[in-house]
Amino acid sequence: MKNTNIKRILIPVDFTETSELAITEAITIANAVDAEIYILHVVEYNEYYFSVVPETQVMLPPLISLEKAVKTKMEGMSEKIKKKSGLSPKVFVTTGQVHSEVIDFSKKKKIDLIIMGTHGASGFREVFIGSNAQHIVTLSSVPVITMRMKKSKAEFRNILIPIDSSLHSREKVNLAITIADLFKSKIHLLGLTDSKDIDEQNKINIKLDSIKKVSNMHKLDHKSVVVQGKSLAKAAMDYANRNKCDLIVINTGHESDITGIFLGAFAQQIVNHSKVPVLSFRHAEGIHYTIETPGYGID
C-alpha cells in the first residue's frame, strides 16, 4: 500500500446521484491509499425548507424526527458501502449551513481530502458564489474533488494539469504527481496562455520542462502541449474531453480576490462546467503534499 498524506476522506452527501458518484470515487481512492471514509449530511432546516431526501418531497417534520430519519438512511448507506467495498465508513449528521459545517467538520476531524458532487452553477450564482460546492472549494484548506458527471470507471488513467505563467500555478503539481504515481496515470501537461508574447510562452515552457523532469523521475508517462486562446477554461475542458482525462487538477488559492466570496474566473468555470472530475487545491500553511525527488524543485 502506498504511503501518502491522504488518510481521512470526507464525503458530504445530499442523497442525490452526484453523491453516489462521489462515494464511488472515494472508495477507489480509499482502497488505494488505505484511508478512512467519513460521510457527512448537513440538515439545513427552516419551516420553508424541503427535504433533499428524494422520497419525502413534503414539508419537513420536526427537527428531531428529521435527524433520526436521516441518520437511519446514512447507516443504511454505510452498510451498503461496507458490503460493496469492505470499508467501514463513519457517518455523521449535523445541522446548519452546509458549507460552514463541512469546513468545520474537516478541520475538527483533520480530513485530508474532500470528495463531493456538484450540480454546477450559472449566471449570477457563478459570479457570486451561490453553491455549497463553490463555497467549500474556496474555503477549504485541504484538496477538494468535485464531480458532476458519471465516469465510465472510477479510476485515474489520464490526469490533466493546466499550467499558466502565474507564480503559484505549479503548487498543485506535487499532489497530482502523488495521485498519478498511485494509479500509474498518464500526465497531460497543458500550457495555457492568452498572449502571443514570446517571453510569456517561454515562462510556461520552463515550467513544463521542470514538471516533465519530475514525471520522468517517477517513471510516469506524460505529454505536453501549449495552447493560446481567449477562453483558457474552455481550452482546458475541451482538451480533457478530447483526451479522455479522468481528473483535472487546478489551483484556486491565488485566484480568489476575496477569500470565501469570489472564486477566480478560471476555477469557477472549471468547477461549474467540467464533465471531468476536478481536484481543486488551495495552497495553505501546514498542508504539504511533497514528492521526495532530490534535485528537482517544481516551485
Protein backbone atom coordinates (compact mmCIF):
# COMPACT_ATOMS: atom_id res chain seq x y z
CA MET A 1 0.00 0.00 0.00
CA LYS A 2 1.30 3.42 -0.93
CA ASN A 3 2.27 5.86 1.79
CA THR A 4 0.56 9.23 1.24
CA ASN A 5 -0.77 12.10 3.31
CA ILE A 6 -4.35 11.12 2.42
CA LYS A 7 -5.59 9.15 5.44
CA ARG A 8 -9.06 10.62 6.04
CA ILE A 9 -11.54 11.25 3.21
CA LEU A 10 -14.75 13.22 3.75
CA ILE A 11 -17.83 12.83 1.55
CA PRO A 12 -20.59 15.42 2.11
CA VAL A 13 -23.80 13.77 0.84
CA ASP A 14 -27.29 15.02 -0.05
CA PHE A 15 -28.66 11.65 -1.29
CA THR A 16 -28.59 12.71 -4.93
CA GLU A 17 -26.95 10.90 -7.84
CA THR A 18 -23.86 13.09 -7.63
CA SER A 19 -23.39 11.96 -4.02
CA GLU A 20 -23.37 8.36 -5.24
CA LEU A 21 -20.69 9.29 -7.77
CA ALA A 22 -18.58 10.89 -5.03
CA ILE A 23 -18.89 7.79 -2.87
CA THR A 24 -17.73 5.54 -5.70
CA GLU A 25 -14.72 7.78 -6.35
CA ALA A 26 -13.89 7.92 -2.64
CA ILE A 27 -13.93 4.13 -2.34
CA THR A 28 -11.41 3.85 -5.19
CA ILE A 29 -9.02 6.31 -3.58
CA ALA A 30 -9.52 4.98 -0.04
CA ASN A 31 -8.66 1.45 -1.13
CA ALA A 32 -5.56 2.71 -2.95
CA VAL A 33 -4.16 4.69 -0.03
CA ASP A 34 -5.65 2.78 2.92
CA ALA A 35 -7.70 5.76 4.08
CA GLU A 36 -10.74 6.08 6.33
CA ILE A 37 -14.02 7.37 4.89
CA TYR A 38 -16.24 9.87 6.70
CA ILE A 39 -19.75 10.56 5.38
CA LEU A 40 -21.50 13.76 6.45
CA HIS A 41 -25.02 15.03 5.86
CA VAL A 42 -25.95 18.54 6.92
CA VAL A 43 -29.60 19.31 7.60
CA GLU A 44 -30.42 22.90 6.64
CA TYR A 45 -33.68 23.32 8.50
CA ASN A 46 -36.40 26.00 8.49
CA GLU A 47 -40.15 25.98 8.08
CA TYR A 48 -39.92 26.54 4.33
CA TYR A 49 -37.11 24.11 3.64
CA PHE A 50 -37.92 20.87 1.84
CA SER A 51 -36.00 17.68 2.43
CA VAL A 52 -33.29 16.70 -0.01
CA VAL A 53 -34.28 13.06 0.56
CA PRO A 54 -35.99 12.23 -2.77
CA GLU A 55 -38.71 10.07 -1.20
CA THR A 56 -40.06 12.87 1.00
CA GLN A 57 -40.78 15.92 -1.11
CA VAL A 58 -43.10 17.35 1.55
CA MET A 59 -42.82 19.91 4.32
CA LEU A 60 -40.28 18.74 6.88
CA PRO A 61 -41.27 17.12 10.19
CA PRO A 62 -39.86 18.40 13.49
CA LEU A 63 -36.06 18.64 13.51
CA ILE A 64 -35.53 15.71 15.89
CA SER A 65 -37.62 13.39 13.69
CA LEU A 66 -35.80 14.56 10.59
CA GLU A 67 -32.35 13.97 12.07
CA LYS A 68 -33.42 10.48 13.15
CA ALA A 69 -34.70 9.65 9.66
CA VAL A 70 -31.54 10.98 8.03
CA LYS A 71 -29.31 9.05 10.42
CA THR A 72 -31.18 5.84 9.60
CA LYS A 73 -30.66 6.50 5.89
CA MET A 74 -26.98 7.24 6.50
CA GLU A 75 -26.49 4.00 8.42
CA GLY A 76 -28.08 2.10 5.53
CA MET A 77 -25.66 3.84 3.16
CA SER A 78 -22.75 2.84 5.37
CA GLU A 79 -23.81 -0.81 5.35
CA LYS A 80 -24.15 -0.75 1.58
CA ILE A 81 -20.61 0.63 1.22
CA LYS A 82 -19.25 -1.97 3.65
CA LYS A 83 -20.79 -4.85 1.67
CA LYS A 84 -19.57 -3.43 -1.64
CA SER A 85 -16.02 -2.48 -0.69
CA GLY A 86 -15.16 -3.92 2.72
CA LEU A 87 -14.67 -0.39 4.06
CA SER A 88 -16.48 0.75 7.22
CA PRO A 89 -17.30 4.44 6.78
CA LYS A 90 -18.09 6.64 9.76
CA VAL A 91 -21.37 8.54 9.40
CA PHE A 92 -22.32 11.91 10.89
CA VAL A 93 -25.40 14.14 10.78
CA THR A 94 -25.25 17.84 11.72
CA THR A 95 -27.45 20.90 11.31
CA GLY A 96 -26.55 24.33 9.97
CA GLN A 97 -25.18 25.82 6.74
CA VAL A 98 -23.77 23.08 4.55
CA HIS A 99 -20.51 24.76 3.56
CA SER A 100 -19.77 26.00 7.09
CA GLU A 101 -20.46 22.61 8.66
CA VAL A 102 -18.34 20.78 6.07
CA ILE A 103 -15.38 23.13 6.59
CA ASP A 104 -15.67 22.96 10.39
CA PHE A 105 -16.00 19.17 10.30
CA SER A 106 -12.96 18.78 8.04
CA LYS A 107 -10.87 20.82 10.47
CA LYS A 108 -12.15 19.02 13.56
CA LYS A 109 -11.57 15.54 12.12
CA LYS A 110 -8.32 16.50 10.37
CA ILE A 111 -9.62 15.49 6.97
CA ASP A 112 -7.05 15.21 4.17
CA LEU A 113 -9.35 15.14 1.13
CA ILE A 114 -12.97 16.11 0.44
CA ILE A 115 -14.89 14.45 -2.39
CA MET A 116 -18.33 15.74 -3.31
CA GLY A 117 -20.86 16.00 -6.09
CA THR A 118 -21.80 19.38 -7.50
CA HIS A 119 -24.74 20.49 -9.59
CA GLY A 120 -22.81 23.40 -11.06
CA ALA A 121 -23.99 26.99 -11.32
CA SER A 122 -24.55 29.64 -13.94
CA GLY A 123 -25.33 33.31 -14.36
CA PHE A 124 -25.34 35.35 -11.17
CA ARG A 125 -24.67 32.29 -8.99
CA GLU A 126 -21.50 31.64 -10.96
CA VAL A 127 -20.18 35.15 -10.41
CA PHE A 128 -21.21 35.44 -6.78
CA ILE A 129 -20.79 32.03 -5.17
CA GLY A 130 -24.20 30.51 -4.54
CA SER A 131 -23.46 26.80 -4.40
CA ASN A 132 -22.14 24.81 -1.48
CA ALA A 133 -19.51 23.18 -3.68
CA GLN A 134 -18.00 26.53 -4.65
CA HIS A 135 -18.03 27.76 -1.05
CA ILE A 136 -16.21 24.61 0.05
CA VAL A 137 -13.70 24.74 -2.83
CA THR A 138 -12.92 28.35 -1.95
CA LEU A 139 -12.68 27.98 1.82
CA SER A 140 -11.21 24.51 2.27
CA SER A 141 -7.57 24.28 3.33
CA VAL A 142 -7.44 20.69 2.03
CA PRO A 143 -7.89 19.48 -1.57
CA VAL A 144 -11.45 19.05 -2.85
CA ILE A 145 -12.58 16.78 -5.67
CA THR A 146 -15.86 17.87 -7.26
CA MET A 147 -17.75 15.86 -9.85
CA ARG A 148 -20.89 16.44 -11.90
CA MET A 149 -20.94 13.58 -14.39
CA LYS A 150 -20.68 9.82 -14.12
CA LYS A 151 -17.37 8.32 -15.21
CA SER A 152 -17.12 5.04 -17.10
CA LYS A 153 -14.76 3.76 -14.40
CA ALA A 154 -13.73 5.08 -11.00
CA GLU A 155 -10.07 5.38 -11.89
CA PHE A 156 -7.47 7.92 -12.94
CA ARG A 157 -5.88 6.83 -16.21
CA ASN A 158 -5.29 10.34 -17.56
CA ILE A 159 -4.68 13.38 -15.34
CA LEU A 160 -4.72 16.90 -16.77
CA ILE A 161 -2.57 19.61 -15.17
CA PRO A 162 -3.24 23.07 -16.67
CA ILE A 163 -0.24 25.37 -16.26
CA ASP A 164 -0.09 29.13 -16.72
CA SER A 165 2.60 31.71 -16.02
CA SER A 166 1.40 32.71 -12.54
CA LEU A 167 3.75 32.27 -9.60
CA HIS A 168 1.58 29.72 -7.83
CA SER A 169 0.34 27.64 -10.75
CA ARG A 170 2.63 24.69 -10.00
CA GLU A 171 1.79 24.32 -6.29
CA LYS A 172 -0.82 21.73 -7.28
CA VAL A 173 1.67 19.57 -9.12
CA ASN A 174 3.01 17.56 -6.17
CA LEU A 175 -0.47 16.30 -5.32
CA ALA A 176 -1.19 15.47 -8.96
CA ILE A 177 2.08 13.53 -9.19
CA THR A 178 1.19 11.64 -6.00
CA ILE A 179 -2.14 10.51 -7.46
CA ALA A 180 -0.57 9.68 -10.82
CA ASP A 181 2.07 7.60 -9.06
CA LEU A 182 -0.64 5.69 -7.18
CA PHE A 183 -2.70 4.86 -10.24
CA LYS A 184 0.10 4.78 -12.83
CA SER A 185 -1.69 7.53 -14.71
CA LYS A 186 -0.57 9.37 -17.79
CA ILE A 187 0.02 13.05 -17.06
CA HIS A 188 -1.17 15.66 -19.55
CA LEU A 189 0.61 19.00 -19.12
CA LEU A 190 -1.37 21.76 -20.76
CA GLY A 191 0.35 25.14 -21.02
CA LEU A 192 -2.25 27.90 -21.23
CA THR A 193 -1.78 31.50 -22.33
CA ASP A 194 -3.99 34.24 -23.70
CA SER A 195 -0.95 36.10 -25.03
CA LYS A 196 1.23 35.68 -28.11
CA ASP A 197 4.15 37.22 -26.23
CA ILE A 198 7.29 35.09 -26.63
CA ASP A 199 8.52 35.76 -23.08
CA GLU A 200 5.18 34.61 -21.69
CA GLN A 201 5.33 31.37 -23.65
CA ASN A 202 8.96 30.81 -22.62
CA LYS A 203 7.96 31.07 -18.94
CA ILE A 204 5.32 28.41 -19.45
CA ASN A 205 7.74 26.12 -21.32
CA ILE A 206 10.26 26.40 -18.47
CA LYS A 207 7.57 25.31 -16.02
CA LEU A 208 6.52 22.43 -18.25
CA ASP A 209 10.12 21.23 -18.56
CA SER A 210 10.58 21.16 -14.78
CA ILE A 211 7.40 19.10 -14.33
CA LYS A 212 8.50 16.72 -17.09
CA LYS A 213 11.69 16.04 -15.11
CA VAL A 214 9.67 15.11 -12.02
CA SER A 215 7.41 12.88 -14.15
CA ASN A 216 10.46 11.14 -15.59
CA MET A 217 11.90 10.56 -12.12
CA HIS A 218 8.65 8.81 -11.18
CA LYS A 219 8.62 6.92 -14.48
CA LEU A 220 5.22 8.35 -15.37
CA ASP A 221 4.02 8.57 -18.94
CA HIS A 222 3.40 12.18 -19.91
CA LYS A 223 2.82 14.56 -22.79
CA SER A 224 2.73 18.34 -23.02
CA VAL A 225 1.22 20.96 -25.28
CA VAL A 226 0.87 24.74 -25.16
CA VAL A 227 -2.44 26.35 -26.18
CA GLN A 228 -3.02 30.05 -26.82
CA GLY A 229 -6.55 31.41 -26.79
CA LYS A 230 -9.11 33.74 -25.25
CA SER A 231 -11.00 31.24 -23.06
CA LEU A 232 -8.41 29.23 -21.15
CA ALA A 233 -11.01 27.36 -19.09
CA LYS A 234 -12.80 26.20 -22.22
CA ALA A 235 -9.48 25.18 -23.77
CA ALA A 236 -8.68 23.07 -20.70
CA MET A 237 -12.10 21.40 -20.64
CA ASP A 238 -12.04 20.74 -24.39
CA TYR A 239 -8.62 19.15 -24.08
CA ALA A 240 -9.80 16.98 -21.16
CA ASN A 241 -12.79 15.73 -23.14
CA ARG A 242 -10.80 15.03 -26.30
CA ASN A 243 -8.10 13.10 -24.45
CA LYS A 244 -10.47 11.18 -22.13
CA CYS A 245 -8.95 12.68 -18.97
CA ASP A 246 -10.31 11.37 -15.65
CA LEU A 247 -9.20 14.29 -13.49
CA ILE A 248 -8.34 17.99 -13.89
CA VAL A 249 -6.08 19.42 -11.18
CA ILE A 250 -6.39 23.16 -10.58
CA ASN A 251 -5.07 25.68 -8.06
CA THR A 252 -7.63 28.07 -6.55
CA GLY A 253 -5.82 29.95 -3.77
CA HIS A 254 -4.07 32.57 -5.88
CA GLU A 255 -7.17 33.21 -7.98
CA SER A 256 -9.51 34.37 -5.18
CA ASP A 257 -9.79 38.15 -4.86
CA ILE A 258 -11.85 37.96 -1.67
CA THR A 259 -11.47 34.64 0.10
CA GLY A 260 -14.78 32.92 0.64
CA ILE A 261 -16.76 35.23 -1.63
CA PHE A 262 -15.31 35.18 -5.12
CA LEU A 263 -13.60 32.35 -6.92
CA GLY A 264 -11.26 33.13 -9.80
CA ALA A 265 -12.90 33.01 -13.22
CA PHE A 266 -10.81 30.08 -14.47
CA ALA A 267 -11.50 27.91 -11.40
CA GLN A 268 -15.17 28.97 -11.39
CA GLN A 269 -15.77 27.81 -14.92
CA ILE A 270 -13.87 24.55 -14.47
CA VAL A 271 -15.67 23.59 -11.22
CA ASN A 272 -19.10 24.51 -12.58
CA HIS A 273 -18.93 23.16 -16.10
CA SER A 274 -16.32 20.40 -16.36
CA LYS A 275 -17.67 16.99 -17.29
CA VAL A 276 -14.46 15.61 -15.82
CA PRO A 277 -13.91 15.45 -12.02
CA VAL A 278 -11.92 18.44 -10.76
CA LEU A 279 -9.34 18.39 -7.98
CA SER A 280 -9.08 21.90 -6.52
CA PHE A 281 -6.05 22.69 -4.40
CA ARG A 282 -5.56 25.88 -2.41
CA HIS A 283 -2.05 26.12 -1.00
CA ALA A 284 -2.28 26.65 2.76
CA GLU A 285 0.27 26.82 5.56
CA GLY A 286 0.75 23.41 7.12
CA ILE A 287 -0.69 21.50 4.15
CA HIS A 288 2.08 19.92 2.14
CA TYR A 289 1.91 17.15 -0.48
CA THR A 290 5.56 16.65 -1.27
CA ILE A 291 7.42 14.41 -3.64
CA GLU A 292 10.79 13.22 -2.43
CA THR A 293 12.71 13.85 -5.61
CA PRO A 294 16.16 15.23 -4.83
CA GLY A 295 17.37 17.89 -7.21
CA TYR A 296 14.03 18.68 -8.83
CA GLY A 297 12.13 21.52 -7.28
CA ILE A 298 8.97 22.50 -9.09
CA ASP A 299 8.11 25.75 -7.31
